[in-house]
Amino acid sequence: MVMGGHTHGQIHSESVNFFHIRLSIAKGDSRFQHNHVMRIAVLTFAVGGDYLKAMEPGLQSKRDYCHRHGYTFLEGGADVWDRKKPIPWSKINFILKYLDDYDYLFWSDGDVIITNPSLRLEDVIMPLLPEGKDMVWCKDACGNLNNGNVLFRGRSAWVRDFLRRCYAQEHLTHHIWWDNAAFCYLWETQADDRERIVTCEDPALFNAYLFDRANSAESTAVRLYKPGDFLVHFAGVYDAWNIHRCMLYVARCAAAGKAPNTALLTHWRGHPPLTLAQAAEEGARTPLPL
């Protein structure tokens, strides 16, 4: 979920990338036929000058990830932005725009950074979506259902209807969780929708957090990010420059195969940088753990 209230810029981003995967990699699955090319999209909606600057490490990680695997990366923006609603709602418009063009669509919020680019979507997430199901989402470290990283089946009439019904939940327009509140509301109240959705209980697979509910990176009571996890989602970190600093630092730790200094991250969580320059300096130059 893209969280709001950033103190630096207006704001949100959720991510878009496209790539093709040859179905011959998926053996023994009747859905896949030899020599057919499956079309898969990874999406991120991104608007707001300051927010784009702050989220650049995450966006670049997705560009690099897609380049590594031969995917095409696209970033969405103003063409689907509904100014009548808080910005996060426009991610629904972005998904609907491309739903019929792809076999699978992986949604990833803008405040997400890829930390293990060796993991492919077809290996990590696609196997979780069997026939008869059209969406996979994940609980977060706090135990909440979260739509910050979601796999949808493309060309699905149910997905199209579900997203439109989510968008129509006007009573949730200004809920602190915005579109995620609508997803949760329909999941909780509509048994037919629950039948089409797979809920992953393990956030480590594709929705890892750095911080727990108390804003601590040092908790052992919940499963927080560990080296080797696919990505980190900064939901609930409201300061954009702080996300930038943490993204740079965690990316360096991941590249070096080191666990981040959790005491440092906890301190940073409560002491956001004053400028982008400060965030960039500290994120790029803070010594890594030994």
Protein backbone atom coordinates (compact mmCIF):
# COMPACT_ATOMS: atom_id res chain seq x y z
CA MET A 1 0.00 0.00 0.00
CA VAL A 2 1.30 3.43 -0.84
CA MET A 3 0.97 5.47 2.32
CA GLY A 4 0.21 9.16 2.33
CA GLY A 5 1.08 12.20 4.41
CA HIS A 6 4.59 12.56 3.03
CA THR A 7 6.13 15.78 4.18
CA HIS A 8 8.08 16.21 0.96
CA GLY A 9 5.98 16.51 -2.16
CA GLN A 10 2.75 15.17 -3.43
CA ILE A 11 3.39 12.01 -4.08
CA HIS A 12 2.54 8.49 -4.72
CA SER A 13 3.99 5.93 -6.92
CA GLU A 14 3.19 2.40 -7.63
CA SER A 15 5.24 0.68 -10.33
CA VAL A 16 4.94 -0.58 -13.91
CA ASN A 17 7.14 -2.93 -15.84
CA PHE A 18 6.45 -5.30 -18.70
CA PHE A 19 8.14 -8.44 -19.70
CA HIS A 20 7.66 -11.66 -21.65
CA ILE A 21 8.26 -15.17 -20.40
CA ARG A 22 8.33 -18.22 -22.61
CA LEU A 23 5.91 -20.80 -21.37
CA SER A 24 8.33 -23.64 -21.95
CA ILE A 25 9.79 -22.82 -18.51
CA ALA A 26 6.55 -23.94 -16.89
CA LYS A 27 6.49 -27.69 -17.25
CA GLY A 28 3.53 -29.87 -16.45
CA ASP A 29 1.00 -27.03 -16.24
CA SER A 30 -1.90 -27.32 -18.67
CA ARG A 31 -2.23 -23.54 -18.75
CA PHE A 32 1.09 -23.28 -20.57
CA GLN A 33 1.58 -24.42 -24.14
CA HIS A 34 4.90 -24.73 -25.91
CA ASN A 35 6.03 -21.88 -28.14
CA HIS A 36 3.41 -19.51 -26.74
CA VAL A 37 4.74 -16.27 -25.27
CA MET A 38 3.06 -15.22 -22.06
CA ARG A 39 2.66 -11.49 -21.56
CA ILE A 40 3.27 -10.29 -18.03
CA ALA A 41 3.21 -6.73 -16.73
CA VAL A 42 4.73 -5.29 -13.57
CA LEU A 43 3.12 -1.94 -12.78
CA THR A 44 4.06 1.22 -10.84
CA PHE A 45 2.06 4.43 -10.80
CA ALA A 46 4.29 7.42 -10.03
CA VAL A 47 3.49 11.14 -9.84
CA GLY A 48 4.78 14.17 -7.93
CA GLY A 49 8.21 15.72 -8.51
CA ASP A 50 9.59 15.44 -4.99
CA TYR A 51 8.12 12.00 -4.46
CA LEU A 52 9.64 10.73 -7.70
CA LYS A 53 13.04 12.01 -6.59
CA ALA A 54 12.65 10.34 -3.22
CA MET A 55 11.55 6.99 -4.66
CA GLU A 56 14.21 6.94 -7.36
CA PRO A 57 16.30 4.19 -5.69
CA GLY A 58 13.26 1.91 -5.72
CA LEU A 59 12.28 2.82 -9.26
CA GLN A 60 15.87 2.26 -10.43
CA SER A 61 15.94 -1.12 -8.72
CA LYS A 62 12.91 -2.11 -10.81
CA ARG A 63 14.48 -0.81 -14.03
CA ASP A 64 17.61 -2.85 -13.28
CA TYR A 65 15.53 -5.87 -12.33
CA CYS A 66 13.61 -5.76 -15.58
CA HIS A 67 16.76 -5.21 -17.63
CA ARG A 68 18.36 -8.22 -15.96
CA HIS A 69 15.48 -10.49 -16.92
CA GLY A 70 14.66 -8.93 -20.25
CA TYR A 71 11.48 -7.28 -19.03
CA THR A 72 10.13 -3.93 -20.20
CA PHE A 73 9.72 -1.29 -17.49
CA LEU A 74 7.01 1.39 -17.67
CA GLU A 75 6.01 4.01 -15.12
CA GLY A 76 2.44 5.29 -15.03
CA GLY A 77 1.36 8.81 -14.25
CA ALA A 78 -0.84 11.73 -15.08
CA ASP A 79 -2.93 10.05 -17.78
CA VAL A 80 -4.75 7.93 -15.17
CA TRP A 81 -4.58 10.30 -12.21
CA ASP A 82 -8.03 11.08 -10.80
CA ARG A 83 -7.68 14.48 -9.08
CA LYS A 84 -11.00 13.97 -7.29
CA LYS A 85 -9.56 11.26 -5.05
CA PRO A 86 -6.39 10.93 -2.97
CA ILE A 87 -3.57 9.86 -5.28
CA PRO A 88 -3.27 6.17 -4.24
CA TRP A 89 -6.71 5.41 -5.70
CA SER A 90 -5.39 6.01 -9.22
CA LYS A 91 -3.42 2.76 -9.09
CA ILE A 92 -6.75 1.05 -9.80
CA ASN A 93 -7.16 3.10 -12.98
CA PHE A 94 -3.66 2.14 -14.02
CA ILE A 95 -4.27 -1.59 -13.57
CA LEU A 96 -7.57 -1.41 -15.44
CA LYS A 97 -5.88 0.40 -18.32
CA TYR A 98 -3.64 -2.59 -19.04
CA LEU A 99 -5.68 -5.50 -17.67
CA ASP A 100 -6.76 -6.86 -21.05
CA ASP A 101 -3.30 -6.57 -22.61
CA TYR A 102 -1.46 -9.07 -20.45
CA ASP A 103 -1.79 -12.60 -19.11
CA TYR A 104 -0.57 -11.58 -15.65
CA LEU A 105 -0.04 -8.20 -14.01
CA PHE A 106 2.15 -7.71 -10.94
CA TRP A 107 1.38 -4.53 -9.06
CA SER A 108 4.19 -3.07 -6.91
CA ASP A 109 3.87 0.24 -5.06
CA GLY A 110 6.34 3.05 -5.61
CA ASP A 111 7.67 2.80 -2.05
CA VAL A 112 9.08 -0.65 -2.81
CA ILE A 113 12.68 -1.56 -3.61
CA ILE A 114 13.82 -4.85 -5.12
CA THR A 115 16.50 -6.32 -2.85
CA ASN A 116 16.99 -9.73 -4.48
CA PRO A 117 16.81 -9.26 -8.26
CA SER A 118 17.83 -12.86 -8.91
CA LEU A 119 14.29 -13.98 -8.02
CA ARG A 120 11.90 -14.08 -10.97
CA LEU A 121 8.18 -13.48 -10.66
CA GLU A 122 7.38 -16.75 -12.37
CA ASP A 123 9.38 -18.55 -9.67
CA VAL A 124 8.30 -16.57 -6.59
CA ILE A 125 4.71 -15.43 -7.06
CA MET A 126 3.08 -16.93 -10.14
CA PRO A 127 3.08 -20.48 -8.71
CA LEU A 128 0.81 -19.20 -5.92
CA LEU A 129 -2.02 -18.48 -8.36
CA PRO A 130 -3.76 -21.73 -9.41
CA GLU A 131 -6.60 -22.17 -11.86
CA GLY A 132 -9.82 -20.71 -10.52
CA LYS A 133 -8.05 -17.92 -8.63
CA ASP A 134 -7.43 -14.46 -10.09
CA MET A 135 -5.50 -12.52 -7.46
CA VAL A 136 -2.70 -13.12 -4.94
CA TRP A 137 -1.95 -10.66 -2.16
CA CYS A 138 -0.03 -10.82 1.07
CA LYS A 139 -0.41 -10.08 4.74
CA ASP A 140 2.15 -7.66 6.12
CA ALA A 141 4.33 -7.91 9.21
CA CYS A 142 1.52 -6.37 11.27
CA GLY A 143 -0.91 -9.08 10.18
CA ASN A 144 -2.92 -6.74 7.95
CA LEU A 145 -3.99 -7.55 4.43
CA ASN A 146 -2.00 -5.32 2.09
CA ASN A 147 -2.31 -4.54 -1.61
CA GLY A 148 1.11 -2.93 -2.07
CA ASN A 149 2.34 -5.92 -4.07
CA VAL A 150 -0.34 -7.96 -5.83
CA LEU A 151 -0.46 -10.42 -8.73
CA PHE A 152 -3.58 -10.27 -10.93
CA ARG A 153 -4.65 -12.60 -13.69
CA GLY A 154 -4.98 -10.59 -16.87
CA ARG A 155 -8.10 -10.50 -19.05
CA SER A 156 -10.15 -11.55 -16.01
CA ALA A 157 -13.73 -10.34 -15.92
CA TRP A 158 -13.73 -10.86 -12.16
CA VAL A 159 -10.60 -8.71 -11.67
CA ARG A 160 -12.13 -5.94 -13.76
CA ASP A 161 -15.35 -6.04 -11.77
CA PHE A 162 -13.57 -6.30 -8.43
CA LEU A 163 -11.37 -3.28 -9.16
CA ARG A 164 -14.33 -1.21 -10.32
CA ARG A 165 -16.27 -2.11 -7.18
CA CYS A 166 -13.25 -1.19 -5.05
CA TYR A 167 -13.06 2.17 -6.77
CA ALA A 168 -16.75 2.76 -6.10
CA GLN A 169 -16.41 2.49 -2.29
CA GLU A 170 -16.92 6.21 -1.75
CA HIS A 171 -17.25 5.83 2.02
CA LEU A 172 -13.58 4.79 2.08
CA THR A 173 -12.23 7.57 -0.15
CA HIS A 174 -10.40 9.29 2.72
CA HIS A 175 -9.69 6.22 4.84
CA ILE A 176 -6.06 6.16 5.97
CA TRP A 177 -5.55 3.03 3.85
CA TRP A 178 -7.38 4.44 0.78
CA ASP A 179 -7.68 1.78 -1.95
CA ASN A 180 -6.32 -0.92 0.35
CA ALA A 181 -9.27 -0.31 2.67
CA ALA A 182 -11.60 -0.98 -0.27
CA PHE A 183 -9.78 -4.21 -1.13
CA CYS A 184 -10.07 -5.32 2.51
CA TYR A 185 -13.71 -4.30 2.75
CA LEU A 186 -14.75 -6.40 -0.25
CA TRP A 187 -12.60 -9.33 0.87
CA GLU A 188 -14.22 -9.24 4.31
CA THR A 189 -17.83 -8.78 3.17
CA GLN A 190 -18.08 -10.69 -0.13
CA ALA A 191 -17.64 -14.46 0.02
CA ASP A 192 -17.61 -14.72 -3.79
CA ASP A 193 -14.61 -12.38 -3.93
CA ARG A 194 -12.74 -14.37 -1.30
CA GLU A 195 -13.16 -17.44 -3.51
CA ARG A 196 -11.11 -15.75 -6.26
CA ILE A 197 -8.33 -14.45 -4.03
CA VAL A 198 -5.26 -16.24 -2.63
CA THR A 199 -3.96 -14.74 0.61
CA CYS A 200 -0.29 -15.34 1.35
CA GLU A 201 0.38 -15.48 5.08
CA ASP A 202 4.16 -14.98 4.78
CA PRO A 203 5.14 -11.34 4.12
CA ALA A 204 8.73 -12.40 3.47
CA LEU A 205 7.73 -13.74 0.05
CA PHE A 206 6.82 -10.42 -1.54
CA ASN A 207 5.84 -7.81 1.05
CA ALA A 208 8.63 -7.57 3.64
CA TYR A 209 8.77 -4.55 5.96
CA LEU A 210 11.73 -2.97 7.75
CA PHE A 211 9.67 -1.78 10.71
CA ASP A 212 7.05 -3.25 13.01
CA ARG A 213 3.88 -1.60 14.28
CA ALA A 214 5.93 0.30 16.91
CA ASN A 215 8.31 1.66 14.23
CA SER A 216 11.15 -0.57 15.38
CA ALA A 217 13.45 -2.49 13.03
CA GLU A 218 14.72 -4.56 15.97
CA SER A 219 11.60 -6.57 16.74
CA THR A 220 11.86 -10.35 16.96
CA ALA A 221 8.14 -10.79 17.56
CA VAL A 222 7.28 -10.31 13.88
CA ARG A 223 8.99 -11.33 10.65
CA LEU A 224 10.79 -8.28 9.26
CA TYR A 225 13.12 -7.99 6.27
CA LYS A 226 16.09 -10.34 6.09
CA PRO A 227 18.86 -10.62 3.48
CA GLY A 228 17.65 -12.68 0.54
CA ASP A 229 14.07 -11.38 0.63
CA PHE A 230 12.72 -10.35 -2.76
CA LEU A 231 11.79 -6.79 -1.83
CA VAL A 232 11.18 -4.25 0.93
CA HIS A 233 7.93 -2.28 1.15
CA PHE A 234 8.05 1.01 3.08
CA ALA A 235 4.33 1.22 3.86
CA GLY A 236 3.73 3.41 6.88
CA VAL A 237 6.99 5.35 6.55
CA TYR A 238 5.45 8.74 5.88
CA ASP A 239 8.56 10.83 5.26
CA ALA A 240 9.72 10.52 1.65
CA TRP A 241 13.31 11.58 2.35
CA ASN A 242 13.51 8.95 5.09
CA ILE A 243 12.40 6.29 2.61
CA HIS A 244 15.09 7.51 0.21
CA ARG A 245 17.79 7.21 2.89
CA CYS A 246 16.65 3.77 4.00
CA MET A 247 16.33 2.52 0.41
CA LEU A 248 19.92 3.51 -0.41
CA TYR A 249 21.28 1.94 2.75
CA VAL A 250 19.29 -1.31 2.51
CA ALA A 251 20.19 -1.69 -1.17
CA ARG A 252 23.89 -1.43 -0.30
CA CYS A 253 23.47 -3.99 2.48
CA ALA A 254 21.60 -6.36 0.15
CA ALA A 255 24.26 -6.05 -2.56
CA ALA A 256 26.93 -6.90 0.02
CA GLY A 257 24.91 -9.78 1.47
CA LYS A 258 24.75 -8.14 4.89
CA ALA A 259 21.89 -7.63 7.31
CA PRO A 260 21.25 -3.93 7.93
CA ASN A 261 21.99 -2.31 11.27
CA THR A 262 18.54 -2.50 12.85
CA ALA A 263 19.40 -0.12 15.70
CA LEU A 264 20.44 2.47 13.15
CA LEU A 265 17.25 1.98 11.13
CA THR A 266 15.13 2.35 14.25
CA HIS A 267 16.94 5.60 15.06
CA TRP A 268 16.45 6.86 11.51
CA ARG A 269 12.75 6.00 11.67
CA GLY A 270 12.28 8.56 14.42
CA HIS A 271 14.73 11.13 13.02
CA PRO A 272 13.97 11.83 9.35
CA PRO A 273 16.48 13.79 7.28
CA LEU A 274 15.74 17.44 6.62
CA THR A 275 16.66 17.42 2.93
CA LEU A 276 17.08 15.04 0.02
CA ALA A 277 20.79 15.83 0.00
CA GLN A 278 21.12 14.73 3.62
CA ALA A 279 19.14 11.57 2.90
CA ALA A 280 21.31 10.74 -0.10
CA GLU A 281 24.54 11.39 1.79
CA GLU A 282 23.64 9.28 4.79
CA GLY A 283 22.09 6.49 2.75
CA ALA A 284 25.07 6.21 0.44
CA ARG A 285 27.93 6.71 2.91
CA THR A 286 26.85 5.23 6.24
CA PRO A 287 29.24 2.33 6.91
CA LEU A 288 27.80 -1.14 6.42
CA PRO A 289 27.79 -3.68 9.25
CA LEU A 290 30.93 -5.78 9.51
